[in-house]
Each structure stands twice: as structure tokens, then as C-alpha cells.
């Protein structure tokens, strides 16, 4: 069975080797038909502490690493525009 891959935004990188990723999806309301946003937070494993808040990343489902972590960060999709130092 293939592993699920989701794309989301890192909202917290305070844990050691852990990031919290917010994944948003758009669904149609069953009665009214309006498109609404649903979101969920996933704890993902970040071995090198390489990802920081604001970055867009892809996470992949994996075997349980801890009580909350069953996802691993596989790549950075888009980095949040950080202010550049003046030269």
C-alpha cells in the first residue's frame, strides 16, 4: 500500500527533531454546497532540525516514531520569504 503524502505549512519547530505541520483541504458542504476549509495539524519527524515555521513542506506517512509522530518531512516545497541581510 502506498504511503500518503501531504503538503502543509510548518507552524511550530520548537520540539527537538519535530515540526508541527498544518495541512488545509477544501471540501464542499454536504447540504449548502459552499466550499469550506478544513485543517489538521500533524507532528512530523525532522531529523536534522532543518525546517522552520512558515515553510511549506511535504510530509510522508511512516511507522509510528512516538505517541504523536507518524509522519516524516521529506522535502521543502517553498521557503517563507525571510528578510535578507543588507550587504
Protein backbone atom coordinates (compact mmCIF):
# COMPACT_ATOMS: atom_id res chain seq x y z
CA UNK A 1 0.00 0.00 0.00
CA UNK A 2 1.50 3.39 -0.96
CA UNK A 3 2.37 5.90 1.73
CA UNK A 4 0.26 9.03 1.90
CA UNK A 5 2.00 12.31 1.07
CA UNK A 6 0.55 15.64 2.21
CA UNK A 7 1.62 19.25 1.71
CA UNK A 8 1.34 21.80 4.51
CA UNK A 9 2.88 24.73 6.34
CA UNK A 10 5.19 24.39 9.34
CA UNK A 11 3.54 26.21 12.26
CA UNK A 12 5.93 25.16 15.05
CA UNK A 13 9.52 23.93 15.18
CA UNK A 14 10.04 24.18 18.93
CA UNK A 15 10.33 20.44 19.60
CA UNK A 16 13.64 18.63 19.14
CA UNK A 17 13.56 16.75 15.80
CA UNK A 18 9.84 17.54 15.49
CA UNK A 19 7.82 20.03 13.47
CA UNK A 20 4.07 20.65 13.54
CA UNK A 21 2.61 20.89 10.04
CA UNK A 22 -0.79 22.45 9.30
CA UNK A 23 -2.49 20.78 6.32
CA UNK A 24 -5.52 22.51 4.82
CA UNK A 25 -8.03 20.95 2.46
CA UNK A 26 -11.11 22.34 0.78
CA UNK A 27 -14.36 20.39 0.92
CA UNK A 28 -17.86 21.03 -0.30
CA UNK A 29 -20.50 21.44 2.43
CA UNK A 30 -22.86 18.45 2.16
CA UNK A 31 -26.07 20.49 2.31
CA UNK A 32 -25.27 24.04 1.21
CA UNK A 33 -22.62 23.29 -1.38
CA UNK A 34 -20.27 26.06 -0.26
CA UNK A 35 -16.55 25.28 -0.40
CA UNK A 36 -15.14 25.39 3.14
CA UNK A 37 -11.62 24.95 4.50
CA UNK A 38 -10.79 22.15 6.89
CA UNK A 39 -7.40 21.93 8.57
CA UNK A 40 -5.49 19.46 10.70
CA UNK A 41 -2.13 19.56 12.43
CA UNK A 42 0.36 16.71 12.10
CA UNK A 43 3.51 16.15 14.13
CA UNK A 44 6.31 15.18 11.73
CA UNK A 45 9.84 13.91 12.28
CA UNK A 46 12.63 16.31 11.25
CA UNK A 47 15.93 14.52 11.94
CA UNK A 48 18.26 17.47 11.25
CA UNK A 49 16.05 20.26 12.67
CA UNK A 50 16.26 21.79 9.18
CA UNK A 51 12.72 23.13 8.81
CA UNK A 52 11.37 26.28 10.43
CA UNK A 53 8.00 27.97 10.93
CA UNK A 54 6.46 29.44 7.79
CA UNK A 55 7.98 26.99 5.33
CA UNK A 56 5.85 24.81 3.07
CA UNK A 57 6.86 21.15 3.26
CA UNK A 58 5.76 17.71 2.10
CA UNK A 59 5.26 15.02 4.74
CA UNK A 60 5.05 11.26 4.27
CA UNK A 61 3.26 8.69 6.40
CA UNK A 62 5.57 6.31 8.25
CA UNK A 63 5.60 3.74 11.04
CA UNK A 64 4.96 5.30 14.47
CA UNK A 65 8.03 7.12 15.81
CA UNK A 66 6.44 8.27 19.08
CA UNK A 67 3.00 8.77 20.61
CA UNK A 68 2.10 11.62 18.23
CA UNK A 69 4.60 11.27 15.37
CA UNK A 70 3.64 9.04 12.45
CA UNK A 71 4.84 11.37 9.68
CA UNK A 72 8.27 12.34 8.34
CA UNK A 73 9.24 15.51 6.46
CA UNK A 74 10.55 14.54 3.03
CA UNK A 75 11.22 17.87 1.30
CA UNK A 76 10.80 21.63 1.35
CA UNK A 77 8.32 22.88 -1.24
CA UNK A 78 8.62 26.63 -0.74
CA UNK A 79 10.50 28.64 1.86
CA UNK A 80 8.85 31.58 3.56
CA UNK A 81 10.41 34.81 2.34
CA UNK A 82 12.86 35.70 5.08
CA UNK A 83 14.31 39.20 5.30
CA UNK A 84 17.73 39.26 3.67
CA UNK A 85 20.72 40.86 5.38
CA UNK A 86 21.98 44.09 3.85
CA UNK A 87 25.34 43.69 2.14
